[in-house]
Amino acid sequence: MTADMVDTTEGGTAGGQRAAGAGRAADGAAGRWAPGDHVLWRYRDNAHPEQFHICRPMTVVRDTQELFAAWMAPGTACVKPVLADGTPVHREPLSTRYTKPRRTVRDQWFGTGVLKLARPGDPWSVWLFWERDWQFKNWYVNLEEPRRRWAGGMDSEDHFLDICVYPDRHWEWRDEDEFAQAQRDGLMTPARAAEVRSAGRAAIAQISAWRGPFADGWEDWRPDPAWGVPQLPEDWDRAPERLRS
């Protein structure tokens, strides 16, 4: 499951919409958001880096120099890519998955929510998944470009390769076939692929040593019941006004 392989219910076309609105910005002095603030977590299109093809409104859980944590609630309206004819990306054969034309659609996050954790500078984020009864399912290491902060949220680019980590602490590589296909299709240079694989090994070293965030008890975290579900703004794909590190 790469960043665009999510459980959603089909919605309408989302591209090309521009209007005001976005969720609350970070505090101008501290450059940090407060718990409960709403932000956008976005991914750029690998083939067209000037465009965004994934957008998820999220609620800030923690925002410090050491860690950014955000919650995507069940039922959140989001944006994901599909093929031009509406076929879900994951249903397209791998040989043509990254070469056929795409468009973006508005969808709704289906099932349980997702907690995302990211340390500044790390070329990955760690996602936590639960069953519907809050039984912890797994951690998911999404290898990606280190996130860039802007007034409305976080931006990144997915790197195809991922790692799944289970409660008994064993791990496995995921989406190696997609990682290889992306290289064959020219979406990733050999040098970048080597960097991504190296980043994965660095993440595995943390898993093997059972360091944070895996050892930090986030699987027992629960969202504030008073939090509402963030709205997806009309101008979800607008260019950042000013990037922060």
Foldseek 3Di string as FASTA:
>chain_A
DAPQDADWDFAFFQPDFDDDDFWFFADPPVRWDDFQTKFKEWAADLVDRLWTQWIAIWTWDDTDQFKTKTKAAAFFKIKHKDAPVRHRLVPDPLLCSNPGHIGMGITTHHAGMKMWMDTAPQQWIKIWDAHNVLHTFWIKTFGWHGWWDFGRHTYIHGQQKIKIAGPVLDIDIPRPVNNVSCCVVPSADPVRSVVSVVSVVVVVVCSVVVHPPNVVPCSPDDDDPPRDRDHCDSRNTDDGPDIDD
